[in-house]
Amino acid sequence: MSDYHPDYREDLETRVEEELERPPMYKVLLHNDDYTTMEFVVEVLQKIFHKSAAEATRIMLLVHKSGRGVCGVFTEDIAETKVEIVHHLARKNGFPLRCSMEEA
C-alpha cells in the first residue's frame, strides 16, 4: 500500500515558497572628489555598471553636483565585487575615486 498523499506535494511547495525570501539588495554609490576626472567616472560607469554614455554622464554629473550618486542596486556579493573593482581600477589609474554600498 502506498503512503502517497496528493496534498503532500502541494503543502510542501507552499511551505518552501513561504520560506524563500528575496536576498537583501544594496545600492552601489560613487563619491565625488576633486581629483578623479569626469571622463574616468563615465568610463567606470560604462564598463563596470554597463551604463550607456548618456546614463553614465547623467550619473557622473549627479555625483559631481551632489557629492554622490547611485550606480545600481545589486545583491550583496555583486555589490561588494563592483566596489572592489572600482577601487582597483581607480588606484591603478592614479585616482582616489571612492565607491561604497549601503542597503537599499
PDB file of N, CA and C in Angstrom:
ATOM      1  N   MET A   1       0.831  -1.167   0.000  1.00  0.00           N
ATOM      2  CA  MET A   1       0.000   0.000   0.000  1.00  0.00           C
ATOM      3  C   MET A   1       0.888   1.248   0.000  1.00  0.00           C
ATOM      4  N   SER A   2       0.522   2.243  -0.744  1.00  0.00           N
ATOM      5  CA  SER A   2       1.331   3.449  -0.902  1.00  0.00           C
ATOM      6  C   SER A   2       1.008   4.481   0.173  1.00  0.00           C
ATOM      7  N   ASP A   3       2.056   5.193   0.600  1.00  0.00           N
ATOM      8  CA  ASP A   3       1.870   6.276   1.575  1.00  0.00           C
ATOM      9  C   ASP A   3       1.725   7.627   0.876  1.00  0.00           C
ATOM     10  N   TYR A   4       1.496   7.624  -0.415  1.00  0.00           N
ATOM     11  CA  TYR A   4       1.414   8.855  -1.206  1.00  0.00           C
ATOM     12  C   TYR A   4       0.134   9.620  -0.867  1.00  0.00           C
ATOM     13  N   HIS A   5       0.304  10.862  -0.545  1.00  0.00           N
ATOM     14  CA  HIS A   5      -0.832  11.742  -0.284  1.00  0.00           C
ATOM     15  C   HIS A   5      -0.783  12.867  -1.302  1.00  0.00           C
ATOM     16  N   PRO A   6      -1.829  12.995  -2.117  1.00  0.00           N
ATOM     17  CA  PRO A   6      -1.799  14.012  -3.180  1.00  0.00           C
ATOM     18  C   PRO A   6      -1.585  15.434  -2.667  1.00  0.00           C
ATOM     19  N   ASP A   7      -2.035  15.726  -1.471  1.00  0.00           N
ATOM     20  CA  ASP A   7      -1.895  17.082  -0.938  1.00  0.00           C
ATOM     21  C   ASP A   7      -0.494  17.342  -0.368  1.00  0.00           C
ATOM     22  N   TYR A   8       0.282  16.291  -0.132  1.00  0.00           N
ATOM     23  CA  TYR A   8       1.603  16.435   0.477  1.00  0.00           C
ATOM     24  C   TYR A   8       2.506  17.316  -0.376  1.00  0.00           C
ATOM     25  N   ARG A   9       2.540  17.052  -1.682  1.00  0.00           N
ATOM     26  CA  ARG A   9       3.413  17.835  -2.570  1.00  0.00           C
ATOM     27  C   ARG A   9       2.980  19.300  -2.589  1.00  0.00           C
ATOM     28  N   GLU A  10       1.690  19.543  -2.661  1.00  0.00           N
ATOM     29  CA  GLU A  10       1.190  20.921  -2.655  1.00  0.00           C
ATOM     30  C   GLU A  10       1.557  21.630  -1.365  1.00  0.00           C
ATOM     31  N   ASP A  11       1.380  20.938  -0.241  1.00  0.00           N
ATOM     32  CA  ASP A  11       1.728  21.529   1.058  1.00  0.00           C
ATOM     33  C   ASP A  11       3.212  21.851   1.133  1.00  0.00           C
ATOM     34  N   LEU A  12       4.045  20.942   0.659  1.00  0.00           N
ATOM     35  CA  LEU A  12       5.492  21.137   0.682  1.00  0.00           C
ATOM     36  C   LEU A  12       5.888  22.323  -0.192  1.00  0.00           C
ATOM     37  N   GLU A  13       5.340  22.400  -1.401  1.00  0.00           N
ATOM     38  CA  GLU A  13       5.652  23.516  -2.297  1.00  0.00           C
ATOM     39  C   GLU A  13       5.232  24.845  -1.683  1.00  0.00           C
ATOM     40  N   THR A  14       4.084  24.861  -1.031  1.00  0.00           N
ATOM     41  CA  THR A  14       3.606  26.090  -0.396  1.00  0.00           C
ATOM     42  C   THR A  14       4.541  26.506   0.727  1.00  0.00           C
ATOM     43  N   ARG A  15       4.974  25.548   1.556  1.00  0.00           N
ATOM     44  CA  ARG A  15       5.870  25.864   2.660  1.00  0.00           C
ATOM     45  C   ARG A  15       7.226  26.362   2.158  1.00  0.00           C
ATOM     46  N   VAL A  16       7.742  25.739   1.100  1.00  0.00           N
ATOM     47  CA  VAL A  16       9.034  26.166   0.546  1.00  0.00           C
ATOM     48  C   VAL A  16       8.934  27.585   0.013  1.00  0.00           C
ATOM     49  N   GLU A  17       7.864  27.890  -0.714  1.00  0.00           N
ATOM     50  CA  GLU A  17       7.682  29.243  -1.245  1.00  0.00           C
ATOM     51  C   GLU A  17       7.592  30.271  -0.122  1.00  0.00           C
ATOM     52  N   GLU A  18       6.932  29.907   0.973  1.00  0.00           N
ATOM     53  CA  GLU A  18       6.804  30.835   2.096  1.00  0.00           C
ATOM     54  C   GLU A  18       8.141  31.066   2.782  1.00  0.00           C
ATOM     55  N   GLU A  19       9.008  30.042   2.816  1.00  0.00           N
ATOM     56  CA  GLU A  19      10.290  30.148   3.493  1.00  0.00           C
ATOM     57  C   GLU A  19      11.324  30.916   2.667  1.00  0.00           C
ATOM     58  N   LEU A  20      11.184  30.923   1.345  1.00  0.00           N
ATOM     59  CA  LEU A  20      12.142  31.617   0.494  1.00  0.00           C
ATOM     60  C   LEU A  20      11.924  33.121   0.582  1.00  0.00           C
ATOM     61  N   GLU A  21      13.001  33.837   0.757  1.00  0.00           N
ATOM     62  CA  GLU A  21      12.937  35.289   0.793  1.00  0.00           C
ATOM     63  C   GLU A  21      13.895  35.842  -0.257  1.00  0.00           C
ATOM     64  N   ARG A  22      13.570  36.996  -0.762  1.00  0.00           N
ATOM     65  CA  ARG A  22      14.488  37.658  -1.681  1.00  0.00           C
ATOM     66  C   ARG A  22      15.708  38.111  -0.888  1.00  0.00           C
ATOM     67  N   PRO A  23      16.885  38.030  -1.505  1.00  0.00           N
ATOM     68  CA  PRO A  23      18.085  38.481  -0.783  1.00  0.00           C
ATOM     69  C   PRO A  23      18.049  39.998  -0.608  1.00  0.00           C
ATOM     70  N   PRO A  24      18.686  40.502   0.443  1.00  0.00           N
ATOM     71  CA  PRO A  24      18.736  41.956   0.619  1.00  0.00           C
ATOM     72  C   PRO A  24      19.510  42.587  -0.544  1.00  0.00           C
ATOM     73  N   MET A  25      19.078  43.759  -0.933  1.00  0.00           N
ATOM     74  CA  MET A  25      19.704  44.462  -2.044  1.00  0.00           C
ATOM     75  C   MET A  25      20.489  45.659  -1.515  1.00  0.00           C
ATOM     76  N   TYR A  26      21.549  46.001  -2.270  1.00  0.00           N
ATOM     77  CA  TYR A  26      22.447  47.082  -1.867  1.00  0.00           C
ATOM     78  C   TYR A  26      22.664  48.056  -3.009  1.00  0.00           C
ATOM     79  N   LYS A  27      22.632  49.356  -2.656  1.00  0.00           N
ATOM     80  CA  LYS A  27      22.954  50.398  -3.628  1.00  0.00           C
ATOM     81  C   LYS A  27      24.464  50.560  -3.662  1.00  0.00           C
ATOM     82  N   VAL A  28      25.015  50.670  -4.848  1.00  0.00           N
ATOM     83  CA  VAL A  28      26.434  50.976  -5.005  1.00  0.00           C
ATOM     84  C   VAL A  28      26.529  52.459  -5.348  1.00  0.00           C
ATOM     85  N   LEU A  29      27.348  53.178  -4.588  1.00  0.00           N
ATOM     86  CA  LEU A  29      27.448  54.633  -4.715  1.00  0.00           C
ATOM     87  C   LEU A  29      28.854  55.052  -5.105  1.00  0.00           C
ATOM     88  N   LEU A  30      28.940  56.068  -5.959  1.00  0.00           N
ATOM     89  CA  LEU A  30      30.213  56.731  -6.241  1.00  0.00           C
ATOM     90  C   LEU A  30      30.213  58.045  -5.480  1.00  0.00           C
ATOM     91  N   HIS A  31      31.393  58.439  -4.982  1.00  0.00           N
ATOM     92  CA  HIS A  31      31.530  59.668  -4.198  1.00  0.00           C
ATOM     93  C   HIS A  31      32.421  60.661  -4.946  1.00  0.00           C
ATOM     94  N   ASN A  32      32.035  61.915  -4.891  1.00  0.00           N
ATOM     95  CA  ASN A  32      32.782  62.963  -5.567  1.00  0.00           C
ATOM     96  C   ASN A  32      34.115  63.237  -4.874  1.00  0.00           C
ATOM     97  N   ASP A  33      35.112  63.591  -5.655  1.00  0.00           N
ATOM     98  CA  ASP A  33      36.384  64.079  -5.128  1.00  0.00           C
ATOM     99  C   ASP A  33      36.900  65.134  -6.102  1.00  0.00           C
ATOM    100  N   ASP A  34      37.951  65.820  -5.718  1.00  0.00           N
ATOM    101  CA  ASP A  34      38.474  66.915  -6.539  1.00  0.00           C
ATOM    102  C   ASP A  34      39.547  66.482  -7.527  1.00  0.00           C
ATOM    103  N   TYR A  35      39.821  65.184  -7.629  1.00  0.00           N
ATOM    104  CA  TYR A  35      40.944  64.734  -8.452  1.00  0.00           C
ATOM    105  C   TYR A  35      40.566  63.788  -9.578  1.00  0.00           C
ATOM    106  N   THR A  36      39.572  62.938  -9.360  1.00  0.00           N
ATOM    107  CA  THR A  36      39.177  61.975 -10.389  1.00  0.00           C
ATOM    108  C   THR A  36      38.508  62.715 -11.541  1.00  0.00           C
ATOM    109  N   THR A  37      38.938  62.423 -12.749  1.00  0.00           N
ATOM    110  CA  THR A  37      38.368  63.118 -13.907  1.00  0.00           C
ATOM    111  C   THR A  37      36.957  62.637 -14.205  1.00  0.00           C
ATOM    112  N   MET A  38      36.186  63.527 -14.781  1.00  0.00           N
ATOM    113  CA  MET A  38      34.820  63.178 -15.174  1.00  0.00           C
ATOM    114  C   MET A  38      34.834  62.067 -16.216  1.00  0.00           C
ATOM    115  N   GLU A  39      35.813  62.105 -17.096  1.00  0.00           N
ATOM    116  CA  GLU A  39      35.923  61.079 -18.141  1.00  0.00           C
ATOM    117  C   GLU A  39      36.150  59.692 -17.540  1.00  0.00           C
ATOM    118  N   PHE A  40      36.983  59.640 -16.497  1.00  0.00           N
ATOM    119  CA  PHE A  40      37.237  58.346 -15.857  1.00  0.00           C
ATOM    120  C   PHE A  40      35.968  57.822 -15.181  1.00  0.00           C
ATOM    121  N   VAL A  41      35.218  58.691 -14.529  1.00  0.00           N
ATOM    122  CA  VAL A  41      33.974  58.279 -13.873  1.00  0.00           C
ATOM    123  C   VAL A  41      32.991  57.746 -14.903  1.00  0.00           C
ATOM    124  N   VAL A  42      32.863  58.423 -16.028  1.00  0.00           N
ATOM    125  CA  VAL A  42      31.970  57.952 -17.091  1.00  0.00           C
ATOM    126  C   VAL A  42      32.436  56.586 -17.594  1.00  0.00           C
ATOM    127  N   GLU A  43      33.732  56.427 -17.768  1.00  0.00           N
ATOM    128  CA  GLU A  43      34.284  55.152 -18.229  1.00  0.00           C
ATOM    129  C   GLU A  43      33.968  54.021 -17.235  1.00  0.00           C
ATOM    130  N   VAL A  44      34.130  54.291 -15.951  1.00  0.00           N
ATOM    131  CA  VAL A  44      33.817  53.295 -14.910  1.00  0.00           C
ATOM    132  C   VAL A  44      32.337  52.923 -14.977  1.00  0.00           C
ATOM    133  N   LEU A  45      31.485  53.917 -15.095  1.00  0.00           N
ATOM    134  CA  LEU A  45      30.047  53.650 -15.150  1.00  0.00           C
ATOM    135  C   LEU A  45      29.665  52.816 -16.370  1.00  0.00           C
ATOM    136  N   GLN A  46      30.342  53.043 -17.469  1.00  0.00           N
ATOM    137  CA  GLN A  46      30.049  52.271 -18.674  1.00  0.00           C
ATOM    138  C   GLN A  46      30.597  50.851 -18.577  1.00  0.00           C
ATOM    139  N   LYS A  47      31.840  50.717 -18.126  1.00  0.00           N
ATOM    140  CA  LYS A  47      32.486  49.402 -18.123  1.00  0.00           C
ATOM    141  C   LYS A  47      32.047  48.509 -16.962  1.00  0.00           C
ATOM    142  N   ILE A  48      31.928  49.056 -15.785  1.00  0.00           N
ATOM    143  CA  ILE A  48      31.622  48.253 -14.603  1.00  0.00           C
ATOM    144  C   ILE A  48      30.117  48.111 -14.385  1.00  0.00           C
ATOM    145  N   PHE A  49      29.379  49.176 -14.675  1.00  0.00           N
ATOM    146  CA  PHE A  49      27.948  49.170 -14.389  1.00  0.00           C
ATOM    147  C   PHE A  49      27.086  49.090 -15.645  1.00  0.00           C
ATOM    148  N   HIS A  50      27.732  48.964 -16.806  1.00  0.00           N
ATOM    149  CA  HIS A  50      27.056  48.757 -18.087  1.00  0.00           C
ATOM    150  C   HIS A  50      26.012  49.845 -18.392  1.00  0.00           C
ATOM    151  N   LYS A  51      26.385  51.082 -18.113  1.00  0.00           N
ATOM    152  CA  LYS A  51      25.513  52.220 -18.408  1.00  0.00           C
ATOM    153  C   LYS A  51      25.812  52.740 -19.811  1.00  0.00           C
ATOM    154  N   SER A  52      24.798  53.271 -20.447  1.00  0.00           N
ATOM    155  CA  SER A  52      25.002  53.923 -21.743  1.00  0.00           C
ATOM    156  C   SER A  52      25.799  55.195 -21.505  1.00  0.00           C
ATOM    157  N   ALA A  53      26.329  55.776 -22.568  1.00  0.00           N
ATOM    158  CA  ALA A  53      27.099  57.020 -22.438  1.00  0.00           C
ATOM    159  C   ALA A  53      26.240  58.117 -21.818  1.00  0.00           C
ATOM    160  N   ALA A  54      24.988  58.211 -22.238  1.00  0.00           N
ATOM    161  CA  ALA A  54      24.099  59.251 -21.708  1.00  0.00           C
ATOM    162  C   ALA A  54      23.799  59.028 -20.227  1.00  0.00           C
ATOM    163  N   GLU A  55      23.504  57.795 -19.846  1.00  0.00           N
ATOM    164  CA  GLU A  55      23.209  57.494 -18.443  1.00  0.00           C
ATOM    165  C   GLU A  55      24.446  57.677 -17.575  1.00  0.00           C
ATOM    166  N   ALA A  56      25.600  57.252 -18.070  1.00  0.00           N
ATOM    167  CA  ALA A  56      26.848  57.413 -17.328  1.00  0.00           C
ATOM    168  C   ALA A  56      27.151  58.895 -17.107  1.00  0.00           C
ATOM    169  N   THR A  57      26.928  59.709 -18.107  1.00  0.00           N
ATOM    170  CA  THR A  57      27.157  61.152 -17.986  1.00  0.00           C
ATOM    171  C   THR A  57      26.188  61.762 -16.979  1.00  0.00           C
ATOM    172  N   ARG A  58      24.937  61.337 -17.013  1.00  0.00           N
ATOM    173  CA  ARG A  58      23.932  61.837 -16.065  1.00  0.00           C
ATOM    174  C   ARG A  58      24.338  61.510 -14.627  1.00  0.00           C
ATOM    175  N   ILE A  59      24.756  60.263 -14.378  1.00  0.00           N
ATOM    176  CA  ILE A  59      25.158  59.850 -13.032  1.00  0.00           C
ATOM    177  C   ILE A  59      26.425  60.606 -12.605  1.00  0.00           C
ATOM    178  N   MET A  60      27.367  60.745 -13.522  1.00  0.00           N
ATOM    179  CA  MET A  60      28.609  61.465 -13.211  1.00  0.00           C
ATOM    180  C   MET A  60      28.302  62.906 -12.795  1.00  0.00           C
ATOM    181  N   LEU A  61      27.413  63.563 -13.502  1.00  0.00           N
ATOM    182  CA  LEU A  61      27.051  64.941 -13.157  1.00  0.00           C
ATOM    183  C   LEU A  61      26.346  65.005 -11.812  1.00  0.00           C
ATOM    184  N   LEU A  62      25.518  64.019 -11.511  1.00  0.00           N
ATOM    185  CA  LEU A  62      24.855  63.941 -10.210  1.00  0.00           C
ATOM    186  C   LEU A  62      25.895  63.799  -9.095  1.00  0.00           C
ATOM    187  N   VAL A  63      26.871  62.914  -9.307  1.00  0.00           N
ATOM    188  CA  VAL A  63      27.956  62.725  -8.332  1.00  0.00           C
ATOM    189  C   VAL A  63      28.710  64.039  -8.156  1.00  0.00           C
ATOM    190  N   HIS A  64      29.018  64.702  -9.247  1.00  0.00           N
ATOM    191  CA  HIS A  64      29.775  65.956  -9.215  1.00  0.00           C
ATOM    192  C   HIS A  64      29.020  67.051  -8.463  1.00  0.00           C
ATOM    193  N   LYS A  65      27.720  67.144  -8.701  1.00  0.00           N
ATOM    194  CA  LYS A  65      26.928  68.227  -8.113  1.00  0.00           C
ATOM    195  C   LYS A  65      26.465  67.948  -6.690  1.00  0.00           C
ATOM    196  N   SER A  66      26.097  66.694  -6.405  1.00  0.00           N
ATOM    197  CA  SER A  66      25.513  66.404  -5.087  1.00  0.00           C
ATOM    198  C   SER A  66      26.440  65.638  -4.151  1.00  0.00           C
ATOM    199  N   GLY A  67      27.597  65.234  -4.646  1.00  0.00           N
ATOM    200  CA  GLY A  67      28.554  64.564  -3.773  1.00  0.00           C
ATOM    201  C   GLY A  67      28.562  63.058  -3.877  1.00  0.00           C
ATOM    202  N   ARG A  68      27.467  62.478  -4.345  1.00  0.00           N
ATOM    203  CA  ARG A  68      27.423  61.028  -4.558  1.00  0.00           C
ATOM    204  C   ARG A  68      26.255  60.682  -5.459  1.00  0.00           C
ATOM    205  N   GLY A  69      26.326  59.488  -6.038  1.00  0.00           N
ATOM    206  CA  GLY A  69      25.263  59.047  -6.923  1.00  0.00           C
ATOM    207  C   GLY A  69      25.201  57.530  -6.960  1.00  0.00           C
ATOM    208  N   VAL A  70      24.013  57.024  -7.215  1.00  0.00           N
ATOM    209  CA  VAL A  70      23.783  55.582  -7.253  1.00  0.00           C
ATOM    210  C   VAL A  70      24.135  55.048  -8.637  1.00  0.00           C
ATOM    211  N   CYS A  71      24.977  54.006  -8.643  1.00  0.00           N
ATOM    212  CA  CYS A  71      25.383  53.355  -9.889  1.00  0.00           C
ATOM    213  C   CYS A  71      24.469  52.192 -10.239  1.00  0.00           C
ATOM    214  N   GLY A  72      23.866  51.591  -9.224  1.00  0.00           N
ATOM    215  CA  GLY A  72      22.990  50.448  -9.434  1.00  0.00           C
ATOM    216  C   GLY A  72      22.642  49.804  -8.107  1.00  0.00           C
ATOM    217  N   VAL A  73      21.729  48.837  -8.168  1.00  0.00           N
ATOM    218  CA  VAL A  73      21.282  48.102  -6.989  1.00  0.00           C
ATOM    219  C   VAL A  73      21.499  46.621  -7.269  1.00  0.00           C
ATOM    220  N   PHE A  74      22.195  45.941  -6.336  1.00  0.00           N
ATOM    221  CA  PHE A  74      22.621  44.561  -6.554  1.00  0.00           C
ATOM    222  C   PHE A  74      22.511  43.758  -5.263  1.00  0.00           C
ATOM    223  N   THR A  75      22.637  42.443  -5.408  1.00  0.00           N
ATOM    224  CA  THR A  75      22.755  41.602  -4.226  1.00  0.00           C
ATOM    225  C   THR A  75      24.086  41.933  -3.545  1.00  0.00           C
ATOM    226  N   GLU A  76      24.241  41.514  -2.310  1.00  0.00           N
ATOM    227  CA  GLU A  76      25.415  41.884  -1.523  1.00  0.00           C
ATOM    228  C   GLU A  76      26.730  41.468  -2.182  1.00  0.00           C
ATOM    229  N   ASP A  77      26.819  40.234  -2.641  1.00  0.00           N
ATOM    230  CA  ASP A  77      28.071  39.757  -3.246  1.00  0.00           C
ATOM    231  C   ASP A  77      28.445  40.547  -4.493  1.00  0.00           C
ATOM    232  N   ILE A  78      27.468  40.807  -5.322  1.00  0.00           N
ATOM    233  CA  ILE A  78      27.744  41.550  -6.559  1.00  0.00           C
ATOM    234  C   ILE A  78      28.116  42.993  -6.229  1.00  0.00           C
ATOM    235  N   ALA A  79      27.410  43.601  -5.281  1.00  0.00           N
ATOM    236  CA  ALA A  79      27.733  44.980  -4.877  1.00  0.00           C
ATOM    237  C   ALA A  79      29.155  45.062  -4.330  1.00  0.00           C
ATOM    238  N   GLU A  80      29.531  44.126  -3.469  1.00  0.00           N
ATOM    239  CA  GLU A  80      30.889  44.122  -2.914  1.00  0.00           C
ATOM    240  C   GLU A  80      31.937  43.989  -4.011  1.00  0.00           C
ATOM    241  N   THR A  81      31.663  43.124  -4.962  1.00  0.00           N
ATOM    242  CA  THR A  81      32.609  42.918  -6.067  1.00  0.00           C
ATOM    243  C   THR A  81      32.757  44.176  -6.898  1.00  0.00           C
ATOM    244  N   LYS A  82      31.661  44.832  -7.203  1.00  0.00           N
ATOM    245  CA  LYS A  82      31.720  46.054  -8.009  1.00  0.00           C
ATOM    246  C   LYS A  82      32.483  47.158  -7.271  1.00  0.00           C
ATOM    247  N   VAL A  83      32.280  47.289  -5.971  1.00  0.00           N
ATOM    248  CA  VAL A  83      33.008  48.283  -5.182  1.00  0.00           C
ATOM    249  C   VAL A  83      34.508  48.005  -5.268  1.00  0.00           C
ATOM    250  N   GLU A  84      34.891  46.752  -5.103  1.00  0.00           N
ATOM    251  CA  GLU A  84      36.314  46.385  -5.165  1.00  0.00           C
ATOM    252  C   GLU A  84      36.907  46.650  -6.553  1.00  0.00           C
ATOM    253  N   ILE A  85      36.158  46.351  -7.593  1.00  0.00           N
ATOM    254  CA  ILE A  85      36.647  46.585  -8.955  1.00  0.00           C
ATOM    255  C   ILE A  85      36.855  48.082  -9.194  1.00  0.00           C
ATOM    256  N   VAL A  86      35.902  48.899  -8.753  1.00  0.00           N
ATOM    257  CA  VAL A  86      36.034  50.351  -8.912  1.00  0.00           C
ATOM    258  C   VAL A  86      37.279  50.843  -8.187  1.00  0.00           C
ATOM    259  N   HIS A  87      37.468  50.411  -6.947  1.00  0.00           N
ATOM    260  CA  HIS A  87      38.650  50.843  -6.189  1.00  0.00           C
ATOM    261  C   HIS A  87      39.937  50.387  -6.868  1.00  0.00           C
ATOM    262  N   HIS A  88      39.965  49.165  -7.359  1.00  0.00           N
ATOM    263  CA  HIS A  88      41.159  48.651  -8.034  1.00  0.00           C
ATOM    264  C   HIS A  88      41.486  49.475  -9.282  1.00  0.00           C
ATOM    265  N   LEU A  89      40.463  49.713 -10.121  1.00  0.00           N
ATOM    266  CA  LEU A  89      40.700  50.492 -11.349  1.00  0.00           C
ATOM    267  C   LEU A  89      41.114  51.930 -11.037  1.00  0.00           C
ATOM    268  N   ALA A  90      40.495  52.516 -10.021  1.00  0.00           N
ATOM    269  CA  ALA A  90      40.839  53.894  -9.658  1.00  0.00           C
ATOM    270  C   ALA A  90      42.299  53.980  -9.216  1.00  0.00           C
ATOM    271  N   ARG A  91      42.721  53.082  -8.350  1.00  0.00           N
ATOM    272  CA  ARG A  91      44.108  53.105  -7.869  1.00  0.00           C
ATOM    273  C   ARG A  91      45.086  52.834  -9.005  1.00  0.00           C
ATOM    274  N   LYS A  92      44.721  51.878  -9.849  1.00  0.00           N
ATOM    275  CA  LYS A  92      45.573  51.534 -10.990  1.00  0.00           C
ATOM    276  C   LYS A  92      45.789  52.742 -11.904  1.00  0.00           C
ATOM    277  N   ASN A  93      44.774  53.608 -11.988  1.00  0.00           N
ATOM    278  CA  ASN A  93      44.852  54.785 -12.843  1.00  0.00           C
ATOM    279  C   ASN A  93      45.226  56.058 -12.086  1.00  0.00           C
ATOM    280  N   GLY A  94      45.579  55.904 -10.801  1.00  0.00           N
ATOM    281  CA  GLY A  94      46.055  57.053 -10.027  1.00  0.00           C
ATOM    282  C   GLY A  94      44.979  57.986  -9.518  1.00  0.00           C
ATOM    283  N   PHE A  95      43.760  57.493  -9.348  1.00  0.00           N
ATOM    284  CA  PHE A  95      42.663  58.330  -8.862  1.00  0.00           C
ATOM    285  C   PHE A  95      42.212  57.882  -7.478  1.00  0.00           C
ATOM    286  N   PRO A  96      41.747  58.835  -6.660  1.00  0.00           N
ATOM    287  CA  PRO A  96      41.253  58.489  -5.325  1.00  0.00           C
ATOM    288  C   PRO A  96      39.745  58.205  -5.293  1.00  0.00           C
ATOM    289  N   LEU A  97      39.147  57.873  -6.418  1.00  0.00           N
ATOM    290  CA  LEU A  97      37.697  57.654  -6.503  1.00  0.00           C
ATOM    291  C   LEU A  97      37.237  56.679  -5.436  1.00  0.00           C
ATOM    292  N   ARG A  98      36.209  57.082  -4.694  1.00  0.00           N
ATOM    293  CA  ARG A  98      35.639  56.233  -3.651  1.00  0.00           C
ATOM    294  C   ARG A  98      34.306  55.674  -4.107  1.00  0.00           C
ATOM    295  N   CYS A  99      34.073  54.443  -3.727  1.00  0.00           N
ATOM    296  CA  CYS A  99      32.844  53.751  -4.044  1.00  0.00           C
ATOM    297  C   CYS A  99      32.402  53.047  -2.767  1.00  0.00           C
ATOM    298  N   SER A 100      31.114  53.024  -2.504  1.00  0.00           N
ATOM    299  CA  SER A 100      30.625  52.352  -1.306  1.00  0.00           C
ATOM    300  C   SER A 100      29.296  51.668  -1.616  1.00  0.00           C
ATOM    301  N   MET A 101      28.795  50.952  -0.619  1.00  0.00           N
ATOM    302  CA  MET A 101      27.495  50.309  -0.780  1.00  0.00           C
ATOM    303  C   MET A 101      26.705  50.502   0.501  1.00  0.00           C
ATOM    304  N   GLU A 102      25.382  50.575   0.346  1.00  0.00           N
ATOM    305  CA  GLU A 102      24.508  50.680   1.502  1.00  0.00           C
ATOM    306  C   GLU A 102      23.224  49.924   1.175  1.00  0.00           C
ATOM    307  N   GLU A 103      22.573  49.438   2.210  1.00  0.00           N
ATOM    308  CA  GLU A 103      21.371  48.655   1.993  1.00  0.00           C
ATOM    309  C   GLU A 103      20.323  49.517   1.289  1.00  0.00           C
ATOM    310  N   ALA A 104      19.690  48.929   0.309  1.00  0.00           N
ATOM    311  CA  ALA A 104      18.681  49.651  -0.487  1.00  0.00           C
ATOM    312  C   ALA A 104      17.362  49.738   0.267  1.00  0.00           C
TER     313      ALA A 104
END
